[in-house]
């Protein structure tokens, strides 16, 4: 479940690549007046994820831009939508817009037998905790701290931490009787293609900034069964990796082919 927010720029501005915290604040304004206002301080993943403002680039008055917001909980997404409709001014620091339209979307990887490609619309944050580092042969590098995933660590720790993270989201947002990602055979994705890694200063809360290492990916998938379909769609709703509420790990379906061979 997600929302497409269509924006119209009301002022010229430079594009801010590090506006994650300010964008989250604007999107979450609607939650402050709802039953979900405690999500800010809940200590648990809220199940919300968003793209950055796109397309990227310098902003001129009158430009159209967009933001996508996804959630595992339909009611939380509804509260976000209500807040956006009630207040059409959409300012993210110096980037100033007016909301023209809020459109509900329901992306789906497809029924079993479907194949496709999913890309990360925003960077993925994956950390390797100190108690797993020796297993991956990188124990001497960390001094007891978590390490941001880098290509030299191989894709194994990336895949493992990604699956563990999605397990936690499944436990939080799915019924107990349904099997989680690690309870089923097979990988989440059939193909992992790294596009790039990069460092970014990330404001995690007011006055607290951290340098993080992110990665962008293209994933190939082949839906095995209904459980696998649900796990992939959960990843679309919540994002993958960590810090999804700051807009990291947001996913988009790039192409999809149905079991009939028809391109969707």
Protein backbone atom coordinates (compact mmCIF):
# COMPACT_ATOMS: atom_id res chain seq x y z
CA UNK A 1 0.00 0.00 0.00
CA UNK A 2 1.36 3.41 -0.88
CA UNK A 3 0.52 6.98 -1.79
CA UNK A 4 1.77 8.99 -4.73
CA UNK A 5 1.99 12.67 -3.77
CA UNK A 6 2.04 15.05 -6.75
CA UNK A 7 3.75 18.33 -5.91
CA UNK A 8 4.10 21.73 -7.62
CA UNK A 9 7.09 23.88 -6.66
CA UNK A 10 6.19 27.31 -5.28
CA UNK A 11 9.78 28.65 -5.17
CA UNK A 12 13.18 28.11 -6.75
CA UNK A 13 15.47 25.96 -4.60
CA UNK A 14 18.58 23.84 -4.64
CA UNK A 15 17.85 20.14 -4.30
CA UNK A 16 18.85 18.88 -0.85
CA UNK A 17 20.14 15.27 -0.91
CA UNK A 18 20.27 15.13 2.89
CA UNK A 19 16.72 16.21 3.72
CA UNK A 20 15.61 12.81 5.07
CA UNK A 21 14.76 14.06 8.57
CA UNK A 22 12.85 17.13 7.34
CA UNK A 23 10.91 15.09 4.78
CA UNK A 24 9.93 12.55 7.43
CA UNK A 25 8.72 15.39 9.66
CA UNK A 26 6.49 16.78 6.92
CA UNK A 27 5.01 13.37 6.05
CA UNK A 28 4.34 12.53 9.69
CA UNK A 29 2.48 15.77 10.49
CA UNK A 30 -0.83 14.01 9.97
CA UNK A 31 0.04 11.40 12.60
CA UNK A 32 0.33 14.07 15.31
CA UNK A 33 -3.43 14.49 15.29
CA UNK A 34 -4.28 10.80 15.08
CA UNK A 35 -4.25 7.64 17.17
CA UNK A 36 -0.73 7.01 15.83
CA UNK A 37 0.92 10.09 17.35
CA UNK A 38 3.02 7.89 19.69
CA UNK A 39 4.84 6.24 16.78
CA UNK A 40 7.54 8.92 17.02
CA UNK A 41 8.70 7.57 20.36
CA UNK A 42 7.52 3.96 20.16
CA UNK A 43 10.93 2.34 19.86
CA UNK A 44 9.63 -0.05 17.17
CA UNK A 45 9.72 0.16 13.37
CA UNK A 46 6.59 2.14 12.40
CA UNK A 47 6.20 0.28 9.11
CA UNK A 48 6.43 3.52 7.11
CA UNK A 49 8.87 4.17 4.30
CA UNK A 50 9.12 6.84 1.64
CA UNK A 51 11.00 7.81 -1.46
CA UNK A 52 12.90 11.05 -1.68
CA UNK A 53 11.49 13.91 -3.73
CA UNK A 54 11.83 12.98 -7.40
CA UNK A 55 12.95 13.59 -10.03
CA UNK A 56 16.26 14.76 -8.61
CA UNK A 57 17.69 18.14 -9.67
CA UNK A 58 17.54 21.90 -9.18
CA UNK A 59 14.01 23.11 -8.54
CA UNK A 60 12.33 25.99 -10.37
CA UNK A 61 8.98 27.54 -9.54
CA UNK A 62 6.22 25.57 -11.27
CA UNK A 63 8.19 22.31 -11.52
CA UNK A 64 6.28 19.13 -10.81
CA UNK A 65 7.87 16.68 -8.38
CA UNK A 66 6.62 13.60 -6.56
CA UNK A 67 7.01 11.62 -3.34
CA UNK A 68 5.92 8.05 -2.66
CA UNK A 69 4.94 6.86 0.82
CA UNK A 70 4.40 3.18 1.69
CA UNK A 71 3.11 1.49 4.84
CA UNK A 72 2.31 -1.97 6.16
CA UNK A 73 -0.73 -0.63 8.04
CA UNK A 74 -3.53 0.80 5.90
CA UNK A 75 -4.84 2.95 8.77
CA UNK A 76 -1.44 4.60 9.33
CA UNK A 77 -1.22 5.38 5.63
CA UNK A 78 -4.74 6.80 5.79
CA UNK A 79 -3.72 9.12 8.63
CA UNK A 80 -0.76 10.33 6.57
CA UNK A 81 -3.08 10.94 3.60
CA UNK A 82 -5.57 12.86 5.78
CA UNK A 83 -2.79 15.12 7.00
CA UNK A 84 -1.58 15.81 3.47
CA UNK A 85 -5.06 16.64 2.19
CA UNK A 86 -5.82 18.90 5.18
CA UNK A 87 -2.61 20.91 4.73
CA UNK A 88 -1.55 21.31 1.10
CA UNK A 89 1.63 23.23 1.89
CA UNK A 90 4.56 20.82 1.55
CA UNK A 91 7.83 22.42 2.61
CA UNK A 92 11.00 20.41 3.19
CA UNK A 93 13.57 22.93 4.34
CA UNK A 94 14.15 25.34 1.46
CA UNK A 95 12.32 23.08 -1.00
CA UNK A 96 8.77 24.46 -1.09
CA UNK A 97 5.80 22.86 -2.82
CA UNK A 98 2.02 22.70 -2.86
CA UNK A 99 0.27 19.32 -2.95
CA UNK A 100 -1.81 18.95 -6.10
CA UNK A 101 -3.01 15.39 -5.64
CA UNK A 102 -2.66 12.34 -3.37
CA UNK A 103 -3.20 9.07 -5.24
CA UNK A 104 -3.48 5.62 -3.58
CA UNK A 105 -1.47 2.81 -5.21
CA UNK A 106 -1.32 -0.95 -4.62
CA UNK A 107 1.85 -2.41 -6.15
CA UNK A 108 2.06 -6.21 -6.19
CA UNK A 109 4.88 -8.46 -7.33
CA UNK A 110 2.31 -10.77 -8.92
CA UNK A 111 0.84 -14.21 -8.40
CA UNK A 112 3.09 -17.29 -8.07
CA UNK A 113 5.07 -17.82 -11.26
CA UNK A 114 5.48 -14.08 -11.88
CA UNK A 115 8.99 -12.74 -12.44
CA UNK A 116 10.36 -9.23 -12.35
CA UNK A 117 12.87 -6.67 -11.21
CA UNK A 118 12.80 -4.52 -8.09
CA UNK A 119 15.13 -1.56 -7.62
CA UNK A 120 16.00 0.45 -4.55
CA UNK A 121 14.70 3.96 -5.01
CA UNK A 122 16.76 5.08 -2.02
CA UNK A 123 19.95 3.79 -0.41
CA UNK A 124 19.82 0.69 1.80
CA UNK A 125 21.34 0.80 5.29
CA UNK A 126 22.56 -2.58 6.55
CA UNK A 127 24.71 -2.95 9.66
CA UNK A 128 26.56 -6.09 10.73
CA UNK A 129 26.44 -6.47 14.53
CA UNK A 130 29.66 -7.36 16.36
CA UNK A 131 28.39 -10.83 17.37
CA UNK A 132 28.02 -11.79 13.68
CA UNK A 133 31.28 -10.34 12.35
CA UNK A 134 33.56 -13.26 13.16
CA UNK A 135 31.19 -15.51 11.23
CA UNK A 136 31.83 -13.34 8.17
CA UNK A 137 35.59 -13.05 8.72
CA UNK A 138 35.58 -9.34 9.58
CA UNK A 139 35.87 -9.49 13.37
CA UNK A 140 39.16 -7.55 13.59
CA UNK A 141 37.81 -4.39 11.96
CA UNK A 142 35.07 -3.19 14.28
CA UNK A 143 36.38 -2.73 17.85
CA UNK A 144 33.06 -4.10 19.10
CA UNK A 145 30.89 -1.78 16.98
CA UNK A 146 28.41 -2.58 14.24
CA UNK A 147 29.80 -2.21 10.73
CA UNK A 148 28.03 -0.75 7.73
CA UNK A 149 27.89 -3.29 4.93
CA UNK A 150 30.42 -2.75 2.14
CA UNK A 151 31.05 -4.79 -1.05
CA UNK A 152 34.33 -6.23 0.29
CA UNK A 153 32.30 -8.15 2.91
CA UNK A 154 30.56 -10.19 0.14
CA UNK A 155 26.80 -10.34 -0.31
CA UNK A 156 26.30 -13.07 2.32
CA UNK A 157 26.09 -10.76 5.36
CA UNK A 158 23.97 -8.31 3.36
CA UNK A 159 21.46 -11.01 2.46
CA UNK A 160 21.40 -12.45 5.99
CA UNK A 161 20.86 -9.11 7.72
CA UNK A 162 18.24 -8.14 5.13
CA UNK A 163 16.30 -11.34 5.80
CA UNK A 164 16.59 -10.97 9.59
CA UNK A 165 15.30 -7.41 9.35
CA UNK A 166 12.32 -8.47 7.23
CA UNK A 167 11.60 -11.27 9.74
CA UNK A 168 11.21 -8.64 12.46
CA UNK A 169 8.83 -6.62 10.29
CA UNK A 170 6.83 -9.76 9.52
CA UNK A 171 6.54 -10.51 13.25
CA UNK A 172 5.30 -6.99 13.88
CA UNK A 173 2.87 -6.52 10.99
CA UNK A 174 1.69 -9.99 9.93
CA UNK A 175 -0.53 -12.53 11.76
CA UNK A 176 1.34 -15.02 13.97
CA UNK A 177 0.05 -18.06 12.08
CA UNK A 178 1.71 -17.02 8.80
CA UNK A 179 5.29 -18.19 8.15
CA UNK A 180 7.95 -15.49 8.03
CA UNK A 181 10.68 -15.10 5.40
CA UNK A 182 13.16 -17.30 7.29
CA UNK A 183 10.53 -20.01 7.85
CA UNK A 184 10.32 -20.79 4.14
CA UNK A 185 12.76 -22.30 1.66
CA UNK A 186 14.54 -20.11 -0.86
CA UNK A 187 15.99 -16.61 -0.96
CA UNK A 188 13.91 -13.45 -0.90
CA UNK A 189 15.39 -12.38 -4.24
CA UNK A 190 16.67 -14.55 -7.06
CA UNK A 191 19.37 -12.08 -8.15
CA UNK A 192 21.30 -9.36 -6.31
CA UNK A 193 23.01 -6.77 -8.49
CA UNK A 194 24.89 -4.01 -6.66
CA UNK A 195 24.59 -0.66 -8.44
CA UNK A 196 26.71 1.50 -6.13
CA UNK A 197 27.72 2.25 -2.55
CA UNK A 198 28.15 5.73 -1.12
CA UNK A 199 28.50 7.61 2.16
CA UNK A 200 25.90 10.11 3.32
CA UNK A 201 25.49 12.41 6.34
CA UNK A 202 22.17 11.31 7.85
CA UNK A 203 20.27 13.36 10.43
CA UNK A 204 18.63 10.71 12.60
CA UNK A 205 17.05 13.15 15.06
CA UNK A 206 17.12 16.87 15.74
CA UNK A 207 20.76 17.83 16.30
CA UNK A 208 22.13 14.31 15.78
CA UNK A 209 23.87 13.52 12.50
CA UNK A 210 25.76 10.37 11.56
CA UNK A 211 27.86 9.40 8.55
CA UNK A 212 26.38 6.22 7.10
CA UNK A 213 27.30 3.89 4.22
CA UNK A 214 24.42 3.04 1.88
CA UNK A 215 24.05 0.81 -1.16
CA UNK A 216 21.71 0.76 -4.14
CA UNK A 217 20.58 -2.50 -5.75
CA UNK A 218 18.66 -4.15 -8.53
CA UNK A 219 16.95 -7.38 -7.43
CA UNK A 220 15.53 -10.08 -9.67
CA UNK A 221 12.65 -12.14 -8.31
CA UNK A 222 10.57 -15.19 -9.20
CA UNK A 223 7.48 -15.62 -7.03
CA UNK A 224 7.55 -19.21 -5.72
CA UNK A 225 4.25 -19.34 -3.83
CA UNK A 226 1.74 -17.24 -1.91
CA UNK A 227 4.03 -16.93 1.13
CA UNK A 228 6.90 -15.63 -0.99
CA UNK A 229 4.53 -13.19 -2.70
CA UNK A 230 3.47 -11.87 0.70
CA UNK A 231 7.08 -11.46 1.86
CA UNK A 232 8.05 -9.53 -1.28
CA UNK A 233 4.99 -7.29 -0.96
CA UNK A 234 5.83 -6.68 2.70
CA UNK A 235 9.26 -5.46 1.58
CA UNK A 236 7.50 -3.07 -0.83
CA UNK A 237 5.33 -1.78 2.03
CA UNK A 238 8.00 -1.35 4.71
CA UNK A 239 11.27 -0.95 2.83
CA UNK A 240 14.33 -3.12 3.39
CA UNK A 241 17.23 -2.69 5.77
CA UNK A 242 17.24 -0.12 8.56
CA UNK A 243 16.05 3.46 9.08
CA UNK A 244 13.11 3.07 6.72
CA UNK A 245 11.20 5.84 8.48
CA UNK A 246 13.93 8.20 7.23
CA UNK A 247 13.29 7.10 3.67
CA UNK A 248 16.02 4.47 3.34
CA UNK A 249 15.50 1.12 1.61
CA UNK A 250 12.47 2.23 -0.42
CA UNK A 251 11.66 -0.22 -3.24
CA UNK A 252 9.99 0.09 -6.65
CA UNK A 253 8.93 -2.61 -9.12
CA UNK A 254 10.74 -1.83 -12.37
CA UNK A 255 9.23 -4.58 -14.52
CA UNK A 256 6.98 -7.60 -14.06
CA UNK A 257 6.05 -10.57 -16.22
CA UNK A 258 3.00 -12.64 -15.34
CA UNK A 259 2.96 -16.47 -15.47
CA UNK A 260 1.14 -16.19 -18.80
CA UNK A 261 4.15 -14.38 -20.28
CA UNK A 262 2.27 -11.09 -20.39
CA UNK A 263 4.24 -8.02 -19.36
CA UNK A 264 2.48 -6.07 -16.64
